[in-house]
């Protein structure tokens, strides 16, 4: 689930003509992307733990190659649906990424997610909806295969990257919001990162450091509380683009445990803090849906949840779109707008148009008494992982 980088920028526009929509549908078909879901009950979760468990179990049966494979997954209503996928020979293509890094893309079947998108009634007829009510399917859209990226040299520069991150106004804004509002949010037991990408990209390093900062501030607040409460907060990360070196460095240098693909979603609960910036699957929808019965995750640092209900059509090629469930979750939260530090020098290149969401506690908790001033940072032990 490698970070696309441009995701948050693409989210600012919308498809406005029939030609735009047809072009987007053709683009999905050409590159193997499953079309989004455009019908159903948007106020109800479509990504449940059961949906994912059934899909993963069914995927174990898929042969390596040959012909058309028929399989069954759950539809939006929880009923079994018949689907199929052509098992064509593997296709590989290479291109140069940032820093002139060679990246190999491979097209082979994998478990994929259809986001729900808002489409007004006058455009629904453009979609073939017969097989478009299954939120988790198998697809062959190209994915990065990078067994060994160029992150091996990073162990000597982790401290340099950390200092650069802490100098960003985005870092200071993040810490300030955490100091001010963490007492009001649900308890956080774990932080889960989705789609940050391989560590050879500096943007990826900064996003992982943001997750580490969230943990350090929350742990320090706990230690300074009147209760003396101390609890470990683990950080997990899910991204199939991590190479073996990335996994080692994340554990050794960041104290972040890498989970197998999809396991991060199964790990979600009401005490999870989600960090995901412009992923290429609908992480925000999945996170809120997986924890729907618990009111959503404890917090999120993600692309801004912008109400798109009055738009004709949400951009279909934006992988992590808005939904009414996201809007309902936002109303339960204290919102920290990070756009006031939105310039290249301040961190927007690494985070785009983002907001912080702190789900309000349902029960009260004692105050730590640390205050909300940025000067309080010096009182906290922010140097330890």
Protein backbone atom coordinates (compact mmCIF):
# COMPACT_ATOMS: atom_id res chain seq x y z
CA UNK A 1 0.00 0.00 0.00
CA UNK A 2 2.71 2.41 -1.01
CA UNK A 3 2.21 6.12 -0.54
CA UNK A 4 1.19 7.75 -3.81
CA UNK A 5 2.38 11.17 -2.65
CA UNK A 6 -0.02 13.07 -4.92
CA UNK A 7 -3.10 11.58 -3.25
CA UNK A 8 -3.96 14.54 -1.06
CA UNK A 9 -3.56 16.97 -3.94
CA UNK A 10 -5.80 14.89 -6.18
CA UNK A 11 -8.46 14.99 -3.50
CA UNK A 12 -9.08 18.72 -4.02
CA UNK A 13 -10.85 18.31 -7.39
CA UNK A 14 -13.98 16.51 -8.56
CA UNK A 15 -15.33 14.97 -11.75
CA UNK A 16 -17.93 17.30 -13.22
CA UNK A 17 -18.86 15.97 -16.67
CA UNK A 18 -20.03 12.71 -18.19
CA UNK A 19 -16.83 12.59 -20.24
CA UNK A 20 -14.72 12.92 -17.07
CA UNK A 21 -16.52 10.03 -15.43
CA UNK A 22 -16.28 7.78 -18.49
CA UNK A 23 -12.58 8.53 -18.78
CA UNK A 24 -12.03 7.65 -15.11
CA UNK A 25 -13.95 4.36 -15.51
CA UNK A 26 -11.86 3.47 -18.56
CA UNK A 27 -8.69 4.34 -16.63
CA UNK A 28 -9.68 1.96 -13.82
CA UNK A 29 -10.26 -0.86 -16.30
CA UNK A 30 -7.03 -0.23 -18.21
CA UNK A 31 -4.77 -0.35 -15.17
CA UNK A 32 -6.59 -3.10 -13.27
CA UNK A 33 -8.09 -0.91 -10.54
CA UNK A 34 -11.45 -2.13 -9.17
CA UNK A 35 -14.23 0.40 -9.65
CA UNK A 36 -15.52 2.02 -6.45
CA UNK A 37 -18.91 1.25 -4.96
CA UNK A 38 -21.50 3.85 -5.91
CA UNK A 39 -24.70 2.37 -4.44
CA UNK A 40 -25.96 0.88 -1.22
CA UNK A 41 -26.32 2.21 2.32
CA UNK A 42 -23.57 4.78 2.88
CA UNK A 43 -24.53 5.26 6.54
CA UNK A 44 -23.67 1.63 7.31
CA UNK A 45 -20.15 0.13 7.38
CA UNK A 46 -19.12 -1.82 4.29
CA UNK A 47 -15.67 -2.88 5.50
CA UNK A 48 -16.14 -5.23 8.44
CA UNK A 49 -13.79 -7.70 10.07
CA UNK A 50 -15.92 -10.54 8.72
CA UNK A 51 -15.68 -9.18 5.16
CA UNK A 52 -11.90 -9.19 5.35
CA UNK A 53 -11.59 -12.56 7.06
CA UNK A 54 -13.77 -14.24 4.40
CA UNK A 55 -11.77 -12.64 1.58
CA UNK A 56 -8.41 -13.64 3.06
CA UNK A 57 -9.57 -17.23 3.59
CA UNK A 58 -10.89 -17.43 0.03
CA UNK A 59 -7.68 -15.95 -1.35
CA UNK A 60 -5.71 -18.91 0.05
CA UNK A 61 -7.46 -21.12 -2.51
CA UNK A 62 -6.47 -19.13 -5.58
CA UNK A 63 -4.13 -20.99 -7.99
CA UNK A 64 -0.92 -19.40 -9.17
CA UNK A 65 -1.95 -19.13 -12.81
CA UNK A 66 -4.21 -20.27 -15.60
CA UNK A 67 -7.71 -19.43 -16.83
CA UNK A 68 -10.43 -17.61 -14.93
CA UNK A 69 -10.78 -18.20 -11.20
CA UNK A 70 -14.23 -17.98 -9.64
CA UNK A 71 -14.46 -17.08 -5.97
CA UNK A 72 -16.92 -15.88 -3.33
CA UNK A 73 -16.73 -12.88 -1.01
CA UNK A 74 -19.27 -10.97 1.06
CA UNK A 75 -21.27 -8.17 -0.53
CA UNK A 76 -22.30 -4.96 1.22
CA UNK A 77 -25.26 -6.69 2.87
CA UNK A 78 -23.20 -9.57 4.23
CA UNK A 79 -24.39 -12.13 1.67
CA UNK A 80 -22.04 -14.32 -0.35
CA UNK A 81 -21.43 -12.98 -3.87
CA UNK A 82 -19.90 -14.73 -6.87
CA UNK A 83 -16.90 -13.00 -8.47
CA UNK A 84 -14.16 -13.95 -10.90
CA UNK A 85 -10.67 -12.90 -11.89
CA UNK A 86 -8.55 -13.77 -14.93
CA UNK A 87 -5.24 -15.35 -13.97
CA UNK A 88 -3.14 -14.03 -16.84
CA UNK A 89 0.67 -14.45 -16.84
CA UNK A 90 2.53 -12.10 -14.52
CA UNK A 91 3.35 -8.70 -16.00
CA UNK A 92 6.25 -6.62 -14.82
CA UNK A 93 7.24 -3.08 -15.69
CA UNK A 94 9.90 -0.81 -14.33
CA UNK A 95 10.18 2.93 -13.91
CA UNK A 96 12.40 5.38 -12.07
CA UNK A 97 11.02 6.81 -8.88
CA UNK A 98 12.27 9.81 -6.94
CA UNK A 99 16.03 9.83 -6.39
CA UNK A 100 16.30 7.87 -9.68
CA UNK A 101 15.42 4.69 -7.83
CA UNK A 102 14.35 1.78 -10.02
CA UNK A 103 10.95 0.48 -8.98
CA UNK A 104 9.40 -2.72 -10.30
CA UNK A 105 5.62 -3.05 -10.57
CA UNK A 106 4.04 -6.45 -10.85
CA UNK A 107 0.48 -7.37 -11.80
CA UNK A 108 -0.68 -10.46 -9.97
CA UNK A 109 -3.84 -11.20 -7.98
CA UNK A 110 -4.10 -9.75 -4.49
CA UNK A 111 -6.81 -8.75 -2.03
CA UNK A 112 -8.02 -5.24 -2.83
CA UNK A 113 -10.57 -2.72 -1.54
CA UNK A 114 -13.32 -0.83 -3.35
CA UNK A 115 -13.98 2.52 -1.67
CA UNK A 116 -17.51 3.84 -1.50
CA UNK A 117 -17.79 7.13 -3.39
CA UNK A 118 -20.54 9.71 -3.58
CA UNK A 119 -22.24 9.82 -7.00
CA UNK A 120 -25.43 11.78 -7.70
CA UNK A 121 -28.37 9.89 -9.21
CA UNK A 122 -28.02 11.38 -12.67
CA UNK A 123 -24.62 9.71 -13.11
CA UNK A 124 -25.39 6.26 -11.66
CA UNK A 125 -26.36 4.85 -15.05
CA UNK A 126 -22.76 5.23 -16.23
CA UNK A 127 -21.69 2.46 -13.87
CA UNK A 128 -22.12 -1.26 -14.42
CA UNK A 129 -23.33 -2.08 -10.94
CA UNK A 130 -23.88 -5.83 -11.41
CA UNK A 131 -20.61 -6.84 -9.74
CA UNK A 132 -19.92 -3.62 -7.92
CA UNK A 133 -21.35 -4.25 -4.46
CA UNK A 134 -18.48 -6.28 -3.04
CA UNK A 135 -16.20 -4.00 -0.97
CA UNK A 136 -13.28 -6.47 -0.79
CA UNK A 137 -12.30 -8.24 -4.00
CA UNK A 138 -9.31 -9.73 -5.81
CA UNK A 139 -7.60 -7.51 -8.37
CA UNK A 140 -4.46 -7.37 -10.47
CA UNK A 141 -3.74 -3.68 -10.23
CA UNK A 142 0.05 -3.13 -10.33
CA UNK A 143 1.86 -3.10 -6.98
CA UNK A 144 5.45 -2.22 -6.13
CA UNK A 145 7.82 -5.13 -5.72
CA UNK A 146 11.02 -3.87 -4.13
CA UNK A 147 12.79 -6.63 -2.25
CA UNK A 148 15.76 -4.42 -1.42
CA UNK A 149 15.29 -0.65 -1.78
CA UNK A 150 18.05 1.89 -1.13
CA UNK A 151 17.30 2.23 2.57
CA UNK A 152 20.37 0.28 3.74
CA UNK A 153 22.41 3.45 4.23
CA UNK A 154 19.77 5.14 6.40
CA UNK A 155 20.95 3.79 9.76
CA UNK A 156 23.63 6.49 9.81
CA UNK A 157 21.18 9.31 9.04
CA UNK A 158 18.25 8.52 11.35
CA UNK A 159 19.35 11.16 13.86
CA UNK A 160 19.73 13.74 11.10
CA UNK A 161 16.23 12.98 9.80
CA UNK A 162 14.83 13.17 13.34
CA UNK A 163 16.37 16.60 13.90
CA UNK A 164 15.03 17.82 10.56
CA UNK A 165 11.56 16.58 11.50
CA UNK A 166 11.61 18.27 14.90
CA UNK A 167 12.55 21.58 13.25
CA UNK A 168 9.40 21.55 11.10
CA UNK A 169 6.53 23.77 12.27
CA UNK A 170 4.28 20.79 11.42
CA UNK A 171 6.01 18.85 14.23
CA UNK A 172 5.41 21.67 16.72
CA UNK A 173 1.75 21.96 15.71
CA UNK A 174 1.31 18.20 16.12
CA UNK A 175 2.84 18.25 19.60
CA UNK A 176 0.76 21.29 20.63
CA UNK A 177 -2.51 19.65 19.63
CA UNK A 178 -1.54 16.46 21.46
CA UNK A 179 -0.64 18.38 24.61
CA UNK A 180 -3.87 20.33 24.51
CA UNK A 181 -6.39 17.61 23.65
CA UNK A 182 -5.01 14.16 24.48
CA UNK A 183 -6.70 14.26 27.92
CA UNK A 184 -10.05 14.63 26.17
CA UNK A 185 -9.68 11.72 23.76
CA UNK A 186 -10.19 7.99 24.14
CA UNK A 187 -7.32 6.01 25.62
CA UNK A 188 -4.70 5.09 23.01
CA UNK A 189 -3.13 1.63 23.32
CA UNK A 190 -1.61 1.37 19.87
CA UNK A 191 -0.67 3.46 16.84
CA UNK A 192 -1.10 1.90 13.39
CA UNK A 193 0.58 3.36 10.29
CA UNK A 194 -0.82 2.58 6.85
CA UNK A 195 0.85 3.20 3.50
CA UNK A 196 3.86 5.30 4.53
CA UNK A 197 6.04 3.70 1.85
CA UNK A 198 9.64 2.41 1.89
CA UNK A 199 12.20 4.25 4.02
CA UNK A 200 14.38 5.19 1.05
CA UNK A 201 11.93 8.08 0.57
CA UNK A 202 12.51 10.94 3.02
CA UNK A 203 8.78 11.57 3.08
CA UNK A 204 8.33 8.07 4.45
CA UNK A 205 10.89 8.68 7.20
CA UNK A 206 9.11 11.85 8.29
CA UNK A 207 5.71 10.17 8.41
CA UNK A 208 7.07 7.33 10.57
CA UNK A 209 8.70 9.93 12.82
CA UNK A 210 5.31 11.62 13.22
CA UNK A 211 3.91 8.35 14.56
CA UNK A 212 6.86 8.10 16.97
CA UNK A 213 6.18 11.65 18.14
CA UNK A 214 2.55 10.83 18.85
CA UNK A 215 3.64 7.89 20.99
CA UNK A 216 6.29 9.88 22.87
CA UNK A 217 3.92 12.71 23.75
CA UNK A 218 1.13 10.38 24.86
CA UNK A 219 3.50 8.30 27.00
CA UNK A 220 5.01 11.41 28.56
CA UNK A 221 1.55 12.77 29.35
CA UNK A 222 0.69 9.49 31.07
CA UNK A 223 3.85 9.65 33.19
CA UNK A 224 3.06 13.22 34.29
CA UNK A 225 -0.54 12.42 35.22
CA UNK A 226 -1.70 12.45 38.82
CA UNK A 227 -2.53 8.75 38.60
CA UNK A 228 1.02 7.81 37.68
CA UNK A 229 -0.50 5.60 34.98
CA UNK A 230 2.04 4.10 32.61
CA UNK A 231 1.16 1.88 29.69
CA UNK A 232 3.11 0.73 26.68
CA UNK A 233 1.92 2.10 23.37
CA UNK A 234 3.03 -0.04 20.46
CA UNK A 235 3.40 1.23 16.92
CA UNK A 236 2.53 -1.07 14.03
CA UNK A 237 3.02 -0.41 10.33
CA UNK A 238 1.43 -2.01 7.28
CA UNK A 239 2.71 -1.52 3.75
CA UNK A 240 3.60 -4.23 1.20
CA UNK A 241 6.22 -1.86 -0.26
CA UNK A 242 8.56 -2.32 2.73
CA UNK A 243 11.71 -4.22 1.81
CA UNK A 244 13.54 -6.47 4.26
CA UNK A 245 15.88 -3.62 5.24
CA UNK A 246 12.91 -1.34 5.88
CA UNK A 247 11.43 -3.86 8.30
CA UNK A 248 14.72 -4.21 10.15
CA UNK A 249 15.29 -0.46 10.39
CA UNK A 250 11.75 0.24 11.53
CA UNK A 251 12.15 -2.21 14.38
CA UNK A 252 15.71 -1.22 15.34
CA UNK A 253 15.64 2.55 14.86
CA UNK A 254 11.96 3.45 15.31
CA UNK A 255 10.70 0.60 17.52
CA UNK A 256 7.92 0.01 14.99
CA UNK A 257 6.67 -3.51 14.28
CA UNK A 258 5.77 -4.28 10.67
CA UNK A 259 2.59 -6.31 10.16
CA UNK A 260 1.81 -8.49 7.16
CA UNK A 261 -0.46 -6.93 4.57
CA UNK A 262 -4.08 -6.61 5.81
CA UNK A 263 -3.16 -7.56 9.41
CA UNK A 264 -3.07 -3.88 10.36
CA UNK A 265 -6.77 -3.60 9.51
CA UNK A 266 -7.58 -6.64 11.63
CA UNK A 267 -5.59 -5.05 14.48
CA UNK A 268 -7.84 -1.96 14.59
CA UNK A 269 -9.97 -1.22 17.66
CA UNK A 270 -11.43 1.77 19.50
CA UNK A 271 -8.07 2.44 21.20
CA UNK A 272 -6.11 2.68 17.94
CA UNK A 273 -4.55 5.90 16.66
CA UNK A 274 -4.38 5.72 12.86
CA UNK A 275 -1.68 7.53 10.87
CA UNK A 276 -2.18 7.42 7.10
CA UNK A 277 -1.27 10.05 4.53
CA UNK A 278 -2.52 9.63 0.93
CA UNK A 279 -2.56 5.81 0.81
CA UNK A 280 -3.67 3.88 -2.29
CA UNK A 281 -6.51 2.05 -0.54
CA UNK A 282 -9.42 3.64 1.41
CA UNK A 283 -7.75 3.53 4.82
CA UNK A 284 -9.98 6.19 6.40
CA UNK A 285 -13.17 4.33 5.42
CA UNK A 286 -11.74 0.98 6.53
CA UNK A 287 -10.55 2.35 9.90
CA UNK A 288 -13.93 3.90 10.72
CA UNK A 289 -15.91 0.90 9.41
CA UNK A 290 -13.81 -1.72 11.24
CA UNK A 291 -14.43 0.12 14.53
CA UNK A 292 -17.96 1.32 13.69
CA UNK A 293 -19.66 -0.42 16.62
CA UNK A 294 -17.12 1.20 18.98
CA UNK A 295 -17.57 4.70 17.57
CA UNK A 296 -14.43 4.71 15.44
CA UNK A 297 -10.72 4.75 16.31
CA UNK A 298 -9.37 6.83 19.19
CA UNK A 299 -7.65 9.21 16.80
CA UNK A 300 -6.43 9.75 13.26
CA UNK A 301 -3.81 11.84 11.50
CA UNK A 302 -4.94 11.69 7.91
CA UNK A 303 -6.09 13.60 4.85
CA UNK A 304 -8.70 16.18 5.82
CA UNK A 305 -12.25 14.79 6.06
CA UNK A 306 -14.07 17.21 3.79
CA UNK A 307 -17.86 16.97 3.39
CA UNK A 308 -18.47 16.10 -0.26
CA UNK A 309 -22.18 15.28 0.00
CA UNK A 310 -23.13 18.25 -2.15
CA UNK A 311 -20.71 17.40 -4.95
CA UNK A 312 -22.00 15.66 -8.08
CA UNK A 313 -19.26 13.04 -8.02
CA UNK A 314 -16.22 12.50 -5.83
CA UNK A 315 -13.01 11.95 -7.77
CA UNK A 316 -13.04 8.27 -8.67
CA UNK A 317 -9.25 8.02 -8.96
CA UNK A 318 -8.72 9.20 -5.39
CA UNK A 319 -8.11 5.99 -3.47
CA UNK A 320 -9.11 7.23 0.00
CA UNK A 321 -12.34 9.20 -0.53
CA UNK A 322 -14.88 10.79 1.79
CA UNK A 323 -17.95 8.91 3.03
CA UNK A 324 -20.93 9.73 5.29
CA UNK A 325 -19.45 7.39 7.93
CA UNK A 326 -16.32 9.51 7.97
CA UNK A 327 -18.41 12.64 8.37
CA UNK A 328 -20.26 11.05 11.32
CA UNK A 329 -16.93 10.09 12.89
CA UNK A 330 -15.59 13.63 12.48
CA UNK A 331 -18.56 14.98 14.45
CA UNK A 332 -17.48 12.82 17.42
CA UNK A 333 -13.99 14.30 17.36
CA UNK A 334 -11.99 17.31 18.40
CA UNK A 335 -10.41 18.48 15.14
CA UNK A 336 -6.89 19.87 14.79
CA UNK A 337 -6.45 21.67 11.48
CA UNK A 338 -2.86 21.25 10.30
CA UNK A 339 -3.31 23.40 7.19
CA UNK A 340 -2.06 26.53 8.96
CA UNK A 341 1.45 25.06 8.51
CA UNK A 342 0.73 24.19 4.91
CA UNK A 343 3.79 25.13 2.88
CA UNK A 344 6.69 23.11 1.52
CA UNK A 345 9.03 24.46 4.19
CA UNK A 346 6.54 23.66 6.94
CA UNK A 347 5.75 20.07 6.03
CA UNK A 348 2.94 19.97 3.45
CA UNK A 349 5.20 18.12 1.00
CA UNK A 350 5.37 15.29 3.52
CA UNK A 351 1.74 15.42 4.71
CA UNK A 352 -0.43 17.36 2.27
CA UNK A 353 -3.79 18.72 3.45
CA UNK A 354 -4.18 16.91 6.78
CA UNK A 355 -6.10 17.12 10.02
CA UNK A 356 -5.92 15.53 13.46
CA UNK A 357 -8.98 13.81 14.87
CA UNK A 358 -9.30 13.06 18.59
CA UNK A 359 -12.42 11.03 19.40
CA UNK A 360 -13.95 12.50 22.54
CA UNK A 361 -13.93 10.34 25.65
CA UNK A 362 -17.21 8.86 26.75
CA UNK A 363 -15.98 8.92 30.39
CA UNK A 364 -13.92 11.52 32.21
CA UNK A 365 -10.26 11.08 33.17
CA UNK A 366 -7.95 13.04 35.47
CA UNK A 367 -6.03 15.95 33.99
CA UNK A 368 -2.29 15.73 33.64
CA UNK A 369 -1.89 19.41 34.38
CA UNK A 370 0.77 19.83 31.69
CA UNK A 371 -1.11 22.55 29.84
CA UNK A 372 -1.22 23.18 26.10
CA UNK A 373 1.69 25.54 25.56
CA UNK A 374 4.44 24.56 23.14
CA UNK A 375 6.87 25.38 25.93
CA UNK A 376 5.69 22.23 27.71
CA UNK A 377 7.52 20.15 25.11
CA UNK A 378 10.76 20.69 27.00
CA UNK A 379 9.23 19.07 30.10
CA UNK A 380 8.44 15.87 28.25
CA UNK A 381 10.83 13.06 27.47
CA UNK A 382 10.53 13.31 23.71
CA UNK A 383 13.90 11.82 22.88
CA UNK A 384 13.11 8.20 23.65
CA UNK A 385 11.24 5.97 21.19
